[in-house]
Amino acid sequence: MVSDVRRRVPRTDAVLADPRIAAAAVRLGKALVKQAVTAAQQRVREGALAPGDVVAAALDALPPVATTLRPVLNATGVVLHTNLGRAPLGAAAREALAVAAGTCDVELDLASGARGRRGAGVVDALLAAVPSAGAAHVVNNGAAALALVAASLAVGREIVVSRGELVEIGDGFRIPDLIESTGARLREVGTTNRTHLADYERALGPDTAFVLKVHPSNFTVTGFTSAVPPAELAGLGVPVVVDIGSGLLAPHPLMPDEPDAAGMLAAGADLVTASGDKLLGGPQAGLILGAAGLVERVRRFPLARAMRVDKLTLAALEATLRGPAPPVRAALDAPVAELRARAEALVSRLPGLDVRVVDSDATVGGGGAPGVTLPSVALSLPEPYAAALRAGVPAVLGRLDGGRCLLDLRALAPADDDALAGCVRAARL
């Protein structure tokens, strides 16, 4: 026999008509809200929830927004954390996203009413940031930039590259596989640790499309090594393409060995490819800069259409280039004394907890500046806090070191300190 409690399960239409549930459906969509209501009703049938609590339980189960993505405070000490989406966007980029989210003049000349040049604003901003580039083009990620260059310039021909630069870029994807998938052939020269100019010279022939130099942005090779700089490769008489990876457009004092787009073009590279969501601090994008004739060939190649970026990327990237320094730059440049002052202020707000200020080593991350250590400061908490903080709202991701949970402040914006303190208090063990 059905119990009285089960008989009193509120009807679905009655629950959905509740003003609070109806408001949530407008904000999140009826399907998501109905799913939460159905789950709450099932708990009533199982005797785990009182019938009168269905609306409250359904509301509690709903996410704040209609996505499964959750905000995370990056306290890992890795400035560009791939698992956290790499570069956080700055305020200017977020405001630009709000503009682009609606209908906008992404491909319309409002003055004439005719079709406009898509991405003109971001191209102009890139050329202003890298004046030595004759032209620029934007695709949907860094790997796509290199693949499009290979497809448009080297199908059926050879790309000469050092064996020491045939890198794996993450999640099992490898540069050789990426390039060969475009129909180009790789001509490997040199050895893993040493490649000389003569190696390139011997490999050149009628089938050579270009020489490729790939920055090993996620590892370093030290010891008995030798590599040929772009300035020397430029004298070989064939185009030189440099994949710098990290998206650094100009030199940065903390990363003297990290190649930048302006420096590579000045050294003689014909094309430079890079990512937009790493050291540049923008959205995921692939950048192609260099000689106008080559960029135009790349831009007009049919595959370019499949790699076209949307209006949101165009808006956020342009705002990153034109606006104030993005959060990535602020994180890299933050003085240690400032980080320590923030950490001490946070500890003073957490009385009664086993928390202390410790020195820490942060990294750039995101396939940039391998081997570079950034001195930093962290809060040290007992290890169990790591899991508790990940379960909070917002979630906090720290790192484990020596049996303690460290919350490194290098990659955390000062504006997030209040939220971090609240999360630590809420996770109090």
Protein backbone atom coordinates (compact mmCIF):
# COMPACT_ATOMS: atom_id res chain seq x y z
CA MET A 1 0.00 0.00 0.00
CA VAL A 2 1.26 3.49 -0.83
CA SER A 3 2.16 5.46 2.30
CA ASP A 4 0.49 8.75 3.18
CA VAL A 5 3.73 10.61 2.54
CA ARG A 6 3.95 9.26 -0.98
CA ARG A 7 0.32 10.18 -1.63
CA ARG A 8 1.15 13.76 -0.64
CA VAL A 9 3.94 14.27 -3.20
CA PRO A 10 3.17 17.70 -4.70
CA ARG A 11 2.00 17.63 -8.29
CA THR A 12 4.60 18.70 -10.83
CA ASP A 13 2.42 21.42 -12.35
CA ALA A 14 1.71 22.85 -8.91
CA VAL A 15 5.41 23.01 -8.03
CA LEU A 16 6.32 24.55 -11.39
CA ALA A 17 3.66 27.22 -10.82
CA ASP A 18 5.30 28.35 -7.58
CA PRO A 19 6.58 31.92 -8.23
CA ARG A 20 10.09 31.05 -7.05
CA ILE A 21 10.28 28.01 -9.33
CA ALA A 22 8.76 29.95 -12.23
CA ALA A 23 11.36 32.70 -11.82
CA ALA A 24 14.13 30.10 -11.85
CA ALA A 25 12.70 28.59 -15.04
CA VAL A 26 12.86 31.97 -16.74
CA ARG A 27 16.50 32.34 -15.73
CA LEU A 28 17.75 28.77 -16.21
CA GLY A 29 15.27 27.13 -18.58
CA LYS A 30 12.26 24.93 -17.85
CA ALA A 31 14.01 21.62 -18.57
CA LEU A 32 16.74 22.18 -15.97
CA VAL A 33 14.27 23.35 -13.35
CA LYS A 34 11.88 20.47 -13.98
CA GLN A 35 14.74 18.03 -13.56
CA ALA A 36 15.46 19.48 -10.09
CA VAL A 37 11.76 19.32 -9.18
CA THR A 38 11.51 15.68 -10.27
CA ALA A 39 14.54 14.78 -8.17
CA ALA A 40 13.01 16.48 -5.12
CA GLN A 41 9.71 14.64 -5.64
CA GLN A 42 11.58 11.34 -5.77
CA ARG A 43 13.18 12.10 -2.42
CA VAL A 44 9.67 12.57 -0.99
CA ARG A 45 8.62 9.15 -2.36
CA GLU A 46 11.70 7.64 -0.69
CA GLY A 47 10.82 9.26 2.62
CA ALA A 48 13.96 11.42 2.62
CA LEU A 49 12.16 14.76 2.20
CA ALA A 50 9.00 16.26 3.60
CA PRO A 51 6.38 17.12 0.95
CA GLY A 52 6.37 20.75 1.98
CA ASP A 53 10.09 21.04 1.31
CA VAL A 54 10.01 20.15 -2.39
CA VAL A 55 10.23 23.75 -3.65
CA ALA A 56 13.10 24.64 -1.32
CA ALA A 57 14.98 21.44 -2.18
CA ALA A 58 14.56 22.01 -5.90
CA LEU A 59 15.80 25.59 -5.58
CA ASP A 60 18.80 24.47 -3.54
CA ALA A 61 19.73 21.94 -6.22
CA LEU A 62 19.72 24.48 -9.05
CA PRO A 63 23.00 25.95 -10.28
CA PRO A 64 23.46 29.74 -10.18
CA VAL A 65 23.74 29.81 -13.99
CA ALA A 66 22.74 27.46 -16.80
CA THR A 67 26.13 25.81 -17.20
CA THR A 68 28.00 23.04 -15.46
CA LEU A 69 31.13 25.19 -15.29
CA ARG A 70 31.93 26.48 -11.82
CA PRO A 71 34.03 29.47 -10.80
CA VAL A 72 37.36 28.52 -9.23
CA LEU A 73 39.84 30.67 -7.32
CA ASN A 74 43.30 29.82 -8.63
CA ALA A 75 45.54 29.44 -5.57
CA THR A 76 47.86 26.89 -7.18
CA GLY A 77 50.72 29.27 -7.91
CA VAL A 78 50.43 28.38 -11.62
CA VAL A 79 49.58 31.64 -13.35
CA LEU A 80 48.35 30.01 -16.57
CA HIS A 81 46.65 26.84 -15.38
CA THR A 82 45.45 24.84 -18.38
CA ASN A 83 42.84 22.94 -16.36
CA LEU A 84 41.40 26.27 -15.18
CA GLY A 85 41.11 27.74 -18.68
CA ARG A 86 44.53 29.41 -18.78
CA ALA A 87 44.34 33.23 -18.81
CA PRO A 88 41.52 34.86 -16.83
CA LEU A 89 40.04 37.72 -18.81
CA GLY A 90 40.35 41.28 -17.58
CA ALA A 91 37.51 43.68 -16.93
CA ALA A 92 37.84 45.30 -20.37
CA ALA A 93 37.55 41.93 -22.11
CA ARG A 94 34.53 40.93 -20.01
CA GLU A 95 32.79 44.19 -20.85
CA ALA A 96 33.54 43.59 -24.53
CA LEU A 97 31.98 40.13 -24.26
CA ALA A 98 28.76 41.71 -23.02
CA VAL A 99 28.68 43.92 -26.12
CA ALA A 100 29.40 41.04 -28.49
CA ALA A 101 26.90 38.71 -26.80
CA GLY A 102 24.04 40.53 -28.50
CA THR A 103 23.73 41.58 -32.11
CA CYS A 104 26.70 43.70 -33.12
CA ASP A 105 28.53 45.00 -36.18
CA VAL A 106 30.95 42.07 -36.39
CA GLU A 107 30.78 42.05 -40.19
CA LEU A 108 28.92 45.25 -41.03
CA ASP A 109 30.02 48.77 -41.97
CA LEU A 110 27.42 50.87 -40.19
CA ALA A 111 28.39 54.03 -42.09
CA SER A 112 27.68 52.56 -45.52
CA GLY A 113 25.37 49.73 -44.61
CA ALA A 114 27.57 47.37 -46.63
CA ARG A 115 29.36 44.25 -45.49
CA GLY A 116 32.36 45.08 -43.32
CA ARG A 117 35.73 43.41 -42.81
CA ARG A 118 35.34 40.75 -40.13
CA GLY A 119 37.86 41.09 -37.31
CA ALA A 120 39.23 44.42 -38.56
CA GLY A 121 39.45 45.82 -35.05
CA VAL A 122 41.45 42.97 -33.59
CA VAL A 123 43.79 42.86 -36.60
CA ASP A 124 44.47 46.57 -36.24
CA ALA A 125 45.10 46.09 -32.51
CA LEU A 126 47.54 43.26 -33.19
CA LEU A 127 49.46 45.31 -35.73
CA ALA A 128 49.63 48.21 -33.29
CA ALA A 129 51.04 45.84 -30.65
CA VAL A 130 53.54 44.30 -33.09
CA PRO A 131 54.42 47.06 -35.59
CA SER A 132 57.00 44.89 -37.34
CA ALA A 133 54.23 42.58 -38.59
CA GLY A 134 53.00 43.37 -42.07
CA ALA A 135 49.68 41.63 -41.50
CA ALA A 136 47.84 39.46 -38.98
CA HIS A 137 45.17 36.79 -38.92
CA VAL A 138 43.32 35.15 -36.02
CA VAL A 139 42.08 31.56 -35.80
CA ASN A 140 40.55 29.52 -33.00
CA ASN A 141 43.67 28.27 -31.17
CA GLY A 142 47.45 28.06 -31.35
CA ALA A 143 47.55 24.58 -32.87
CA ALA A 144 45.10 25.70 -35.54
CA ALA A 145 47.38 28.61 -36.43
CA LEU A 146 50.31 26.28 -37.12
CA ALA A 147 48.13 23.74 -38.92
CA LEU A 148 46.66 26.41 -41.17
CA VAL A 149 50.10 27.74 -42.07
CA ALA A 150 51.25 24.22 -42.94
CA ALA A 151 48.13 23.46 -44.96
CA SER A 152 48.19 26.70 -46.92
CA LEU A 153 51.91 26.85 -47.65
CA ALA A 154 53.18 23.26 -47.64
CA VAL A 155 50.62 20.70 -48.85
CA GLY A 156 52.58 18.01 -50.71
CA ARG A 157 55.85 19.72 -49.87
CA GLU A 158 58.46 19.55 -47.09
CA ILE A 159 58.74 21.47 -43.85
CA VAL A 160 62.26 21.35 -42.43
CA VAL A 161 62.38 21.15 -38.63
CA SER A 162 64.88 20.18 -35.94
CA ARG A 163 64.34 16.81 -34.26
CA GLY A 164 64.71 18.53 -30.92
CA GLU A 165 61.61 20.61 -31.62
CA LEU A 166 59.16 17.81 -32.46
CA VAL A 167 57.31 18.32 -29.23
CA GLU A 168 54.14 16.98 -27.65
CA ILE A 169 51.82 19.85 -26.79
CA GLY A 170 49.43 18.20 -24.33
CA ASP A 171 46.71 15.56 -24.15
CA GLY A 172 48.79 13.32 -26.40
CA PHE A 173 48.84 15.72 -29.38
CA ARG A 174 52.20 15.98 -31.11
CA ILE A 175 53.56 18.56 -33.52
CA PRO A 176 54.63 15.94 -36.12
CA ASP A 177 51.15 14.39 -36.20
CA LEU A 178 49.50 17.79 -36.38
CA ILE A 179 51.59 18.94 -39.32
CA GLU A 180 51.45 15.69 -41.27
CA SER A 181 47.66 15.65 -40.92
CA THR A 182 47.59 18.76 -43.15
CA GLY A 183 49.22 16.94 -46.07
CA ALA A 184 52.68 18.44 -45.57
CA ARG A 185 55.81 16.30 -45.13
CA LEU A 186 58.32 16.77 -42.34
CA ARG A 187 62.03 16.75 -43.06
CA GLU A 188 63.76 16.21 -39.73
CA VAL A 189 67.28 17.52 -39.24
CA GLY A 190 69.87 17.42 -36.45
CA THR A 191 69.58 15.42 -33.26
CA THR A 192 67.53 15.69 -30.10
CA ASN A 193 70.05 17.91 -28.35
CA ARG A 194 72.08 19.54 -31.14
CA THR A 195 71.12 21.02 -34.50
CA HIS A 196 73.40 23.19 -36.64
CA LEU A 197 72.85 25.55 -39.55
CA ALA A 198 74.56 23.05 -41.86
CA ASP A 199 71.87 20.50 -41.01
CA TYR A 200 69.23 22.84 -42.39
CA GLU A 201 71.31 23.73 -45.43
CA ARG A 202 71.74 20.09 -46.43
CA ALA A 203 67.99 19.47 -46.13
CA LEU A 204 66.83 22.27 -48.42
CA GLY A 205 65.64 21.40 -51.89
CA PRO A 206 63.00 22.09 -54.55
CA ASP A 207 60.27 20.61 -52.31
CA THR A 208 61.08 22.79 -49.32
CA ALA A 209 58.08 24.96 -48.39
CA PHE A 210 59.56 26.58 -45.30
CA VAL A 211 61.77 26.06 -42.28
CA LEU A 212 59.88 25.66 -39.02
CA LYS A 213 61.21 26.55 -35.60
CA VAL A 214 59.12 25.41 -32.63
CA HIS A 215 59.74 26.80 -29.17
CA PRO A 216 59.73 23.89 -26.67
CA SER A 217 57.47 25.83 -24.36
CA ASN A 218 56.72 23.10 -21.82
CA PHE A 219 60.21 21.73 -21.15
CA THR A 220 63.89 22.66 -21.25
CA VAL A 221 66.91 20.83 -22.59
CA THR A 222 70.17 21.71 -20.88
CA GLY A 223 73.76 20.56 -21.08
CA PHE A 224 75.44 19.69 -24.39
CA THR A 225 72.96 21.48 -26.64
CA SER A 226 72.92 23.61 -29.77
CA ALA A 227 70.12 25.31 -31.69
CA VAL A 228 70.00 27.71 -34.64
CA PRO A 229 68.37 31.10 -33.98
CA PRO A 230 65.87 32.56 -36.47
CA ALA A 231 68.34 35.27 -37.48
CA GLU A 232 70.63 32.62 -38.98
CA LEU A 233 67.79 30.63 -40.52
CA ALA A 234 66.60 33.78 -42.29
CA GLY A 235 69.62 33.59 -44.57
CA LEU A 236 68.67 30.21 -46.03
CA GLY A 237 66.54 31.68 -48.80
CA VAL A 238 63.24 30.04 -47.83
CA PRO A 239 60.46 31.32 -45.55
CA VAL A 240 61.02 30.85 -41.83
CA VAL A 241 58.02 30.16 -39.59
CA VAL A 242 58.46 30.38 -35.81
CA ASP A 243 55.86 28.90 -33.46
CA ILE A 244 56.50 30.77 -30.21
CA GLY A 245 53.49 29.15 -28.54
CA SER A 246 53.05 31.30 -25.45
CA GLY A 247 51.75 34.45 -27.12
CA LEU A 248 54.31 36.89 -25.73
CA LEU A 249 54.17 39.84 -28.12
CA ALA A 250 57.10 41.81 -26.67
CA PRO A 251 59.96 40.91 -24.29
CA HIS A 252 59.23 40.50 -20.57
CA PRO A 253 62.06 41.02 -18.04
CA LEU A 254 61.07 37.98 -15.95
CA MET A 255 61.33 35.69 -18.98
CA PRO A 256 64.45 36.68 -20.95
CA ASP A 257 64.59 33.31 -22.73
CA GLU A 258 60.95 33.31 -23.79
CA PRO A 259 60.64 34.23 -27.49
CA ASP A 260 58.29 37.08 -28.38
CA ALA A 261 56.56 37.87 -31.66
CA ALA A 262 58.22 41.25 -32.22
CA GLY A 263 61.67 39.85 -31.51
CA MET A 264 61.23 36.87 -33.83
CA LEU A 265 60.00 39.04 -36.71
CA ALA A 266 62.84 41.49 -36.15
CA ALA A 267 65.28 38.56 -36.25
CA GLY A 268 64.06 37.57 -39.70
CA ALA A 269 61.10 35.24 -39.23
CA ASP A 270 58.56 35.53 -42.03
CA LEU A 271 55.65 34.26 -39.95
CA VAL A 272 55.06 33.84 -36.24
CA THR A 273 52.28 31.72 -34.73
CA ALA A 274 51.17 31.94 -31.11
CA SER A 275 48.31 31.44 -28.66
CA GLY A 276 46.05 34.20 -27.38
CA ASP A 277 45.16 32.69 -23.99
CA LYS A 278 48.62 32.36 -22.51
CA LEU A 279 51.06 35.20 -21.83
CA LEU A 280 49.01 37.62 -23.93
CA GLY A 281 46.25 37.18 -21.36
CA GLY A 282 43.30 36.98 -23.74
CA PRO A 283 40.77 34.38 -24.89
CA GLN A 284 41.65 31.12 -26.62
CA ALA A 285 42.84 32.07 -30.10
CA GLY A 286 45.62 31.39 -32.56
CA LEU A 287 47.65 34.33 -33.85
CA ILE A 288 49.44 34.50 -37.20
CA LEU A 289 51.66 37.54 -37.75
CA GLY A 290 54.23 38.42 -40.36
CA ALA A 291 54.80 39.11 -44.04
CA ALA A 292 51.65 40.48 -45.66
CA GLY A 293 51.83 38.23 -48.72
CA LEU A 294 52.15 35.05 -46.69
CA VAL A 295 49.46 36.05 -44.21
CA GLU A 296 47.09 36.74 -47.10
CA ARG A 297 47.76 33.30 -48.57
CA VAL A 298 46.97 31.78 -45.20
CA ARG A 299 43.86 33.90 -44.73
CA ARG A 300 42.42 33.03 -48.14
CA PHE A 301 43.11 29.28 -47.89
CA PRO A 302 39.78 27.36 -47.76
CA LEU A 303 40.56 25.69 -44.44
CA ALA A 304 40.74 29.12 -42.81
CA ARG A 305 36.95 29.25 -42.84
CA ALA A 306 36.76 26.17 -40.62
CA MET A 307 39.10 27.83 -38.12
CA ARG A 308 37.34 31.21 -38.01
CA VAL A 309 36.82 32.74 -34.58
CA ASP A 310 33.45 33.96 -33.38
CA LYS A 311 32.44 37.46 -32.36
CA LEU A 312 33.02 36.77 -28.66
CA THR A 313 36.66 35.87 -29.25
CA LEU A 314 37.17 38.88 -31.51
CA ALA A 315 35.72 41.21 -28.89
CA ALA A 316 37.66 39.80 -25.94
CA LEU A 317 40.94 39.64 -27.84
CA GLU A 318 40.68 43.21 -29.12
CA ALA A 319 39.82 44.50 -25.64
CA THR A 320 42.78 42.60 -24.18
CA LEU A 321 45.11 44.23 -26.71
CA ARG A 322 43.69 47.75 -26.42
CA GLY A 323 42.68 47.86 -22.77
CA PRO A 324 44.58 47.92 -19.48
CA ALA A 325 47.13 45.22 -18.66
CA PRO A 326 45.26 41.92 -18.23
CA PRO A 327 45.26 39.87 -14.99
CA VAL A 328 48.07 37.63 -16.27
CA ARG A 329 50.44 40.58 -16.48
CA ALA A 330 49.40 41.76 -13.03
CA ALA A 331 50.05 38.29 -11.61
CA LEU A 332 53.49 38.08 -13.20
CA ASP A 333 54.52 41.55 -12.05
CA ALA A 334 53.15 41.48 -8.48
CA PRO A 335 55.98 42.28 -5.99
CA VAL A 336 56.67 39.62 -3.38
CA ALA A 337 56.31 42.23 -0.64
CA GLU A 338 52.79 42.94 -1.82
CA LEU A 339 51.92 39.23 -1.84
CA ARG A 340 53.30 38.87 1.69
CA ALA A 341 51.26 41.83 2.95
CA ARG A 342 48.12 40.30 1.46
CA ALA A 343 48.89 36.90 3.03
CA GLU A 344 49.47 38.41 6.47
CA ALA A 345 46.23 40.37 6.21
CA LEU A 346 44.37 37.17 5.32
CA VAL A 347 45.85 35.28 8.28
CA SER A 348 44.71 38.06 10.62
CA ARG A 349 41.17 37.48 9.37
CA LEU A 350 41.29 33.75 10.14
CA PRO A 351 41.69 33.58 13.94
CA GLY A 352 41.71 30.18 15.57
CA LEU A 353 42.75 28.32 12.43
CA ASP A 354 45.98 26.41 11.82
CA VAL A 355 47.12 28.81 9.11
CA ARG A 356 50.46 30.52 8.57
CA VAL A 357 52.31 32.51 5.92
CA VAL A 358 55.05 30.67 4.02
CA ASP A 359 57.34 31.38 1.09
CA SER A 360 56.35 29.65 -2.11
CA ASP A 361 57.53 29.04 -5.66
CA ALA A 362 55.06 29.87 -8.44
CA THR A 363 55.36 29.10 -12.14
CA VAL A 364 54.10 30.63 -15.38
CA GLY A 365 52.44 27.43 -16.62
CA GLY A 366 50.32 27.07 -19.74
CA GLY A 367 53.24 26.04 -21.91
CA GLY A 368 55.20 29.21 -21.25
CA ALA A 369 58.58 30.05 -19.74
CA PRO A 370 59.58 26.51 -18.70
CA GLY A 371 62.11 26.49 -15.90
CA VAL A 372 61.23 30.00 -14.72
CA THR A 373 60.38 30.15 -11.01
CA LEU A 374 58.42 33.09 -9.65
CA PRO A 375 59.01 33.79 -5.95
CA SER A 376 55.68 33.92 -4.18
CA VAL A 377 53.86 33.74 -0.86
CA ALA A 378 51.17 31.31 0.27
CA LEU A 379 48.85 30.47 3.13
CA SER A 380 49.65 27.07 4.63
CA LEU A 381 46.75 25.02 5.98
CA PRO A 382 46.31 21.38 7.05
CA GLU A 383 46.12 19.01 4.08
CA PRO A 384 42.39 18.12 4.47
CA TYR A 385 41.50 21.70 3.56
CA ALA A 386 42.40 20.95 -0.07
CA ALA A 387 39.34 18.76 -0.65
CA ALA A 388 37.05 20.93 1.47
CA LEU A 389 38.00 24.06 -0.45
CA ARG A 390 37.44 22.39 -3.82
CA ALA A 391 33.88 21.61 -2.71
CA GLY A 392 33.11 25.21 -1.73
CA VAL A 393 31.35 28.00 -3.61
CA PRO A 394 33.37 29.34 -5.23
CA ALA A 395 35.74 26.42 -5.36
CA VAL A 396 39.34 27.07 -4.36
CA LEU A 397 42.18 25.10 -5.92
CA GLY A 398 45.43 25.05 -4.00
CA ARG A 399 48.30 22.56 -4.06
CA LEU A 400 49.71 19.99 -1.65
CA ASP A 401 53.27 20.37 -0.43
CA GLY A 402 54.88 18.57 2.49
CA GLY A 403 51.58 17.42 3.95
CA ARG A 404 50.07 20.92 3.88
CA CYS A 405 47.56 22.66 1.64
CA LEU A 406 49.18 25.77 0.17
CA LEU A 407 47.10 28.65 -1.16
CA ASP A 408 49.52 30.60 -3.31
CA LEU A 409 48.58 34.24 -3.94
CA ARG A 410 50.65 34.81 -7.10
CA ALA A 411 47.83 33.93 -9.54
CA LEU A 412 45.00 35.21 -7.32
CA ALA A 413 43.77 38.75 -7.90
CA PRO A 414 43.73 41.00 -4.80
CA ALA A 415 40.02 41.52 -5.42
CA ASP A 416 39.50 37.82 -4.64
CA ASP A 417 41.08 37.96 -1.18
CA ASP A 418 37.71 38.51 0.54
CA ALA A 419 36.24 35.49 -1.24
CA LEU A 420 39.26 33.38 -0.35
CA ALA A 421 38.97 34.28 3.34
CA GLY A 422 35.28 33.42 3.28
CA CYS A 423 35.94 30.07 1.63
CA VAL A 424 38.59 29.14 4.19
CA ARG A 425 36.24 30.05 7.05
CA ALA A 426 33.43 28.05 5.47
CA ALA A 427 35.71 25.02 5.07
CA ARG A 428 36.93 25.21 8.68
CA LEU A 429 37.76 21.69 9.85
